[in-house]
Protein backbone atom coordinates (compact mmCIF):
# COMPACT_ATOMS: atom_id res chain seq x y z
CA MET A 1 106.39 -57.07 -27.13
CA ALA A 2 106.68 -54.55 -29.93
CA VAL A 3 104.17 -51.72 -30.30
CA ILE A 4 103.52 -50.05 -33.63
CA LYS A 5 101.24 -47.21 -34.63
CA MET A 6 99.11 -47.37 -37.76
CA SER A 7 96.06 -45.72 -39.25
CA VAL A 8 92.63 -47.28 -38.90
CA GLU A 9 92.71 -47.87 -42.66
CA GLN A 10 95.98 -49.80 -42.34
CA TRP A 11 94.53 -51.82 -39.47
CA SER A 12 91.61 -52.78 -41.69
CA GLU A 13 94.05 -54.25 -44.20
CA VAL A 14 95.65 -56.59 -41.63
CA PRO A 15 94.21 -60.09 -42.37
CA GLU A 16 91.59 -61.51 -40.04
CA ASN A 17 92.51 -64.31 -37.70
CA PRO A 18 91.85 -67.67 -39.42
CA ARG A 19 89.50 -68.55 -36.58
CA GLN A 20 87.64 -65.25 -36.42
CA ARG A 21 83.94 -65.71 -35.74
CA ASN A 22 81.07 -64.08 -37.63
CA THR A 23 82.13 -60.43 -37.43
CA THR A 24 78.95 -58.99 -38.94
CA LYS A 25 76.78 -60.88 -36.45
CA ARG A 26 78.95 -59.87 -33.50
CA ALA A 27 79.10 -56.24 -34.58
CA LYS A 28 75.35 -55.93 -34.06
CA TYR A 29 75.71 -57.28 -30.53
CA ALA A 30 78.75 -55.12 -29.75
CA ARG A 31 77.03 -51.88 -30.78
CA SER A 32 74.46 -52.41 -28.02
CA LYS A 33 77.00 -53.52 -25.41
CA HIS A 34 80.72 -52.88 -24.96
CA LEU A 35 81.11 -50.80 -28.16
CA LYS A 36 78.00 -48.71 -27.65
CA GLU A 37 80.07 -45.66 -26.76
CA PRO A 38 83.61 -44.74 -27.93
CA HIS A 39 86.41 -45.04 -25.40
CA TYR A 40 90.14 -44.27 -25.61
CA ILE A 41 90.91 -47.94 -24.79
CA HIS A 42 89.45 -48.97 -28.16
CA ARG A 43 92.58 -47.71 -29.90
CA TYR A 44 94.67 -50.58 -28.43
CA VAL A 45 94.61 -53.77 -30.50
CA PHE A 46 96.66 -56.96 -30.84
CA ALA A 47 98.16 -58.64 -33.89
CA ALA A 48 100.34 -61.69 -34.50
CA ALA A 49 103.60 -61.47 -36.39
CA ARG A 50 106.24 -63.90 -37.59
CA LYS A 51 109.79 -62.60 -37.79
CA GLY A 52 108.47 -59.07 -37.58
CA LYS A 53 105.93 -59.42 -40.40
CA LEU A 54 102.28 -59.05 -39.45
CA LEU A 55 100.28 -62.23 -40.05
CA CYS A 56 96.79 -61.50 -38.74
CA LYS A 57 94.68 -59.80 -36.11
CA LEU A 58 94.34 -61.31 -32.65
CA ASP A 59 91.56 -58.95 -31.64
CA GLY A 60 89.99 -55.72 -32.87
CA HIS A 61 88.05 -57.39 -35.69
CA THR A 62 84.71 -55.98 -34.59
CA ARG A 63 86.10 -52.50 -33.92
CA GLY A 64 87.69 -52.52 -37.36
CA PHE A 65 84.38 -53.51 -38.94
CA LEU A 66 82.49 -50.76 -37.12
CA TRP A 67 85.14 -48.15 -37.94
CA ASP A 68 85.03 -49.16 -41.61
CA HIS A 69 81.25 -48.83 -41.71
CA GLY A 70 81.08 -45.55 -39.81
CA GLN A 71 79.27 -47.16 -36.89
CA LEU A 72 81.91 -46.35 -34.24
CA PRO A 73 83.75 -43.02 -33.96
CA LEU A 74 87.43 -43.26 -34.90
CA PRO A 75 90.12 -42.71 -32.27
CA ASP A 76 90.98 -39.02 -31.91
CA ASP A 77 93.89 -39.02 -34.37
CA GLY A 78 92.55 -41.84 -36.56
CA THR A 79 95.25 -44.29 -35.48
CA VAL A 80 95.53 -47.46 -33.40
CA GLU A 81 98.31 -48.77 -31.18
CA VAL A 82 99.08 -52.35 -32.22
CA MET A 83 100.59 -54.72 -29.66
CA VAL A 84 102.53 -57.23 -31.73
CA VAL A 85 102.77 -60.79 -30.46
CA GLU A 86 105.49 -62.88 -32.07
CA VAL A 87 104.37 -66.37 -33.13
CA LYS A 88 105.95 -69.25 -35.01
CA SER A 89 103.10 -69.82 -37.45
CA LEU A 90 99.61 -68.81 -38.53
CA LYS A 91 98.37 -71.95 -36.80
CA GLU A 92 99.75 -70.70 -33.49
CA ALA A 93 98.07 -67.34 -34.08
CA ALA A 94 94.78 -69.16 -34.57
CA SER A 95 95.26 -71.21 -31.42
CA ILE A 96 95.78 -68.17 -29.18
CA TYR A 97 92.92 -66.19 -30.74
CA SER A 98 90.51 -67.04 -27.90
CA LYS A 99 92.94 -65.59 -25.34
CA PHE A 100 92.42 -62.17 -26.88
CA ASP A 101 88.68 -62.43 -27.48
CA ASN A 102 86.49 -59.94 -25.61
CA PRO A 103 85.34 -61.57 -22.34
CA ARG A 104 81.97 -59.80 -22.58
CA ALA A 105 81.25 -61.30 -25.98
CA VAL A 106 81.43 -64.96 -25.05
CA GLU A 107 81.95 -67.24 -28.02
CA SER A 108 79.13 -69.71 -28.50
CA VAL A 109 79.41 -73.19 -29.99
CA SER A 110 77.96 -71.85 -33.25
CA ASP A 111 80.67 -69.20 -33.29
CA SER A 112 83.25 -71.97 -32.89
CA ILE A 113 81.79 -73.94 -35.80
CA TYR A 114 81.81 -70.80 -37.94
CA GLY A 115 85.43 -70.11 -36.98
CA PHE A 116 86.66 -73.67 -37.56
CA ALA A 117 84.91 -73.78 -40.94
CA LYS A 118 86.54 -70.50 -41.90
CA GLU A 119 89.93 -71.79 -40.79
CA ASN A 120 89.39 -74.81 -43.06
CA LYS A 121 88.54 -72.45 -45.93
CA PHE A 122 84.84 -73.06 -46.38
CA GLY A 123 81.55 -71.39 -45.53
CA LEU A 124 77.96 -72.60 -45.20
CA ASN A 125 75.22 -70.63 -46.91
CA SER A 126 72.01 -72.68 -46.90
CA LYS A 127 69.23 -71.82 -44.45
CA LEU A 128 69.73 -75.26 -42.93
CA LEU A 129 73.40 -74.80 -42.03
CA ALA A 130 74.27 -71.09 -42.17
CA GLY A 131 73.47 -70.55 -38.48
CA CYS A 132 76.08 -73.19 -37.55
CA LYS A 133 73.76 -74.50 -34.81
CA PHE A 134 74.34 -78.21 -35.30
CA ALA A 135 77.18 -79.22 -32.98
CA ASN A 136 75.29 -82.10 -31.33
CA GLN A 137 73.95 -83.35 -34.67
CA LEU A 138 77.47 -83.34 -36.09
CA ARG A 139 78.91 -85.16 -33.09
CA LEU A 140 76.09 -87.70 -33.31
CA ALA A 141 76.89 -88.41 -36.98
CA ASP A 142 80.59 -88.65 -36.17
CA GLY A 143 79.84 -91.20 -33.45
CA PHE A 144 78.16 -93.52 -35.95
CA PHE A 145 81.41 -93.65 -37.90
CA GLY A 146 83.58 -94.46 -34.92
CA GLY A 147 84.22 -90.98 -33.59
CA ILE A 148 84.51 -90.50 -29.86
CA ARG A 149 81.95 -87.98 -28.67
CA GLY A 150 83.55 -85.13 -26.76
CA ASN A 151 82.70 -81.54 -25.97
CA SER A 152 86.15 -79.98 -26.23
CA GLN A 153 87.10 -77.34 -28.76
CA ARG A 154 89.79 -79.67 -30.11
CA ASP A 155 87.21 -82.41 -30.68
CA LEU A 156 84.88 -80.01 -32.47
CA GLU A 157 87.73 -78.72 -34.61
CA ARG A 158 88.59 -82.28 -35.68
CA VAL A 159 84.98 -83.13 -36.52
CA ILE A 160 84.51 -79.97 -38.63
CA LYS A 161 87.65 -80.76 -40.61
CA GLU A 162 86.75 -84.42 -41.15
CA TRP A 163 83.14 -83.73 -42.13
CA LYS A 164 83.89 -80.77 -44.40
CA PRO A 165 83.08 -82.70 -47.65
CA CYS A 166 79.71 -83.91 -46.34
CA LEU A 167 78.83 -80.51 -44.91
CA LEU A 168 79.54 -78.86 -48.25
CA GLU A 169 77.49 -81.45 -50.10
CA LEU A 170 74.55 -81.01 -47.72
CA ASP A 171 74.88 -77.24 -47.99
CA SER A 172 74.79 -77.46 -51.79
CA LEU A 173 71.20 -78.79 -51.65
CA GLY A 174 69.98 -75.43 -50.37
CA LEU A 175 67.57 -76.98 -47.88
CA SER A 176 65.37 -74.91 -45.57
CA SER A 177 65.79 -74.75 -41.81
CA LYS A 178 62.65 -76.85 -41.10
CA TYR A 179 64.50 -80.01 -40.13
CA THR A 180 67.63 -78.98 -38.25
CA THR A 181 66.96 -81.86 -35.85
CA LEU A 182 67.73 -84.23 -38.73
CA ILE A 183 71.09 -82.73 -39.73
CA GLY A 184 72.93 -85.66 -38.13
CA PHE A 185 70.85 -88.15 -40.13
CA MET A 186 71.36 -86.13 -43.31
CA LEU A 187 75.14 -86.21 -42.92
CA ILE A 188 75.10 -89.93 -42.22
CA VAL A 189 73.16 -90.84 -45.38
CA ILE A 190 75.30 -88.54 -47.53
CA ARG A 191 78.48 -90.12 -46.20
CA LYS A 192 77.07 -93.63 -46.51
CA ASP A 193 75.18 -93.50 -49.82
CA GLY A 194 76.59 -90.43 -51.55
CA LEU A 195 74.85 -87.21 -52.44
CA GLY A 196 72.97 -88.62 -55.45
CA LEU A 197 70.62 -90.98 -53.65
CA ALA A 198 70.49 -89.03 -50.41
CA SER A 199 69.63 -85.75 -52.14
CA LYS A 200 66.47 -87.23 -53.68
CA PHE A 201 65.06 -88.24 -50.31
CA LEU A 202 66.15 -85.05 -48.56
CA SER A 203 64.72 -82.81 -51.28
CA LEU A 204 61.39 -84.66 -51.17
CA LEU A 205 61.35 -84.31 -47.38
CA ASP A 206 62.22 -80.61 -47.46
CA GLY A 207 59.57 -79.91 -50.08
CA ASN A 208 56.80 -81.88 -48.34
CA HIS A 209 56.53 -84.16 -51.35
CA GLY A 210 55.66 -87.42 -49.63
CA THR A 211 52.83 -89.52 -51.03
CA LYS A 212 49.84 -91.35 -49.57
CA ASN A 213 47.36 -93.81 -51.10
CA SER A 214 45.09 -96.68 -50.07
CA LYS A 215 48.13 -98.81 -49.15
CA GLY A 216 49.50 -96.18 -46.81
CA MET A 217 52.25 -93.57 -46.77
CA ASP A 218 55.69 -93.71 -48.34
CA GLY A 219 58.76 -93.15 -46.18
CA VAL A 220 58.81 -89.40 -46.77
CA GLU A 221 55.20 -88.92 -45.72
CA CYS A 222 55.60 -91.28 -42.76
CA LEU A 223 58.46 -89.17 -41.49
CA HIS A 224 56.46 -85.96 -41.96
CA GLU A 225 53.60 -87.35 -39.90
CA HIS A 226 55.96 -88.71 -37.26
CA ILE A 227 57.62 -85.31 -36.88
CA LYS A 228 54.22 -83.61 -36.49
CA ILE A 229 53.41 -85.91 -33.58
CA ARG A 230 56.79 -85.38 -31.93
CA LYS A 231 56.43 -81.61 -32.21
CA LEU A 232 53.05 -81.74 -30.48
CA GLU A 233 54.62 -83.88 -27.76
CA LYS A 234 57.62 -81.49 -27.58
CA ARG A 235 60.10 -84.28 -28.27
CA MET A 236 62.38 -82.60 -30.80
CA THR A 237 65.25 -81.17 -28.77
CA GLY A 238 67.94 -82.61 -26.53
CA TYR A 239 70.56 -85.22 -27.40
CA GLY A 240 68.28 -88.15 -26.60
CA ASN A 241 65.62 -86.89 -28.99
CA LEU A 242 68.23 -86.16 -31.67
CA TYR A 243 69.36 -89.77 -31.38
CA ASP A 244 65.79 -91.04 -31.54
CA MET A 245 64.95 -88.84 -34.53
CA THR A 246 67.96 -90.24 -36.38
CA ASP A 247 66.46 -93.68 -35.77
CA SER A 248 63.09 -92.49 -37.11
CA ALA A 249 64.57 -90.86 -40.18
CA TRP A 250 66.71 -93.89 -40.95
CA THR A 251 63.63 -96.12 -40.79
CA ALA A 252 61.75 -93.80 -43.15
CA TYR A 253 64.70 -93.60 -45.52
CA ASN A 254 64.86 -97.39 -45.79
CA MET A 255 61.09 -97.53 -46.40
CA TRP A 256 61.45 -95.00 -49.21
CA GLN A 257 64.36 -96.89 -50.79
CA SER A 258 62.38 -100.14 -50.70
CA ASN A 259 59.18 -98.55 -52.06
CA LYS A 260 57.32 -99.71 -48.96
CA ARG A 261 54.24 -98.08 -47.49
CA ALA A 262 52.74 -98.05 -44.01
CA LYS A 263 49.93 -96.51 -41.99
CA LYS A 264 52.52 -95.04 -39.62
CA LEU A 265 56.25 -95.14 -39.03
CA GLN A 266 57.32 -98.35 -37.32
CA GLN A 267 60.65 -97.98 -35.54
CA ASN A 268 62.63 -101.19 -35.24
CA SER A 269 65.75 -100.13 -33.35
CA PHE A 270 67.46 -99.15 -36.57
CA VAL A 271 69.95 -97.07 -34.62
CA SER A 272 71.94 -100.07 -33.51
CA ALA A 273 71.69 -101.64 -36.94
CA LEU A 274 72.75 -98.39 -38.57
CA LYS A 275 75.73 -97.99 -36.29
CA GLY A 276 76.84 -101.54 -36.95
CA GLU A 277 76.47 -101.08 -40.67
CA VAL A 278 78.29 -97.80 -41.15
CA THR A 279 81.21 -98.59 -38.88
CA ALA A 280 81.87 -102.02 -40.33
């Protein structure tokens, strides 16, 4: 393994790992934990290279960020010792990234989603999706289209890549974070019916623009009322409730499309019908 010496400024210019998590978010955590005080060990970092040419960082992203922003004292002479790991490709560098990640800053599932999205060259900016806390909702949606639900990193990586177009379309609506439980449903209707039709329903839902008259409530208002009841009953979290809420939202969506009204949301096992329809 080669070792090279470079300035902190030069280290900052080495590209991030394609799978690097949310550095800004992690920097806040690190300042109160393992990077609270400077230590000589901080000067040692790892980078990947191909045929002697540096490709990207393998660790040291957070230290580099804090050094750049004056939030961590520089090493005594302003340099770092870079351990260079030879790889065959940038993809290999991405795959071994986790081996060099700080063990005291355990990567969460949301970190993984953020990293996989970044590796696939896209970011999520809406309040609904920016936190990347929708792994179960995404796997649920994938299951309706024939995906095999799994909890491995490889499975999550595949799902992020496959659902990139729908995630970007949903993100473009700029929805609030009120209905994160319904992200799976939202992705399903976008993939099934396209953004045009789906966006109308989702925007009405997000803006609390359902209607009610003497004949009852439209689908949007029915879903609002249904969600209020579930929140009071504390039935909004957990995979089973996510599945059931997808059923509820699908029922309401069909009501809205058909211009039907009701006194309350009537669920009719739409989940099985939905699954049969979208996988056909």
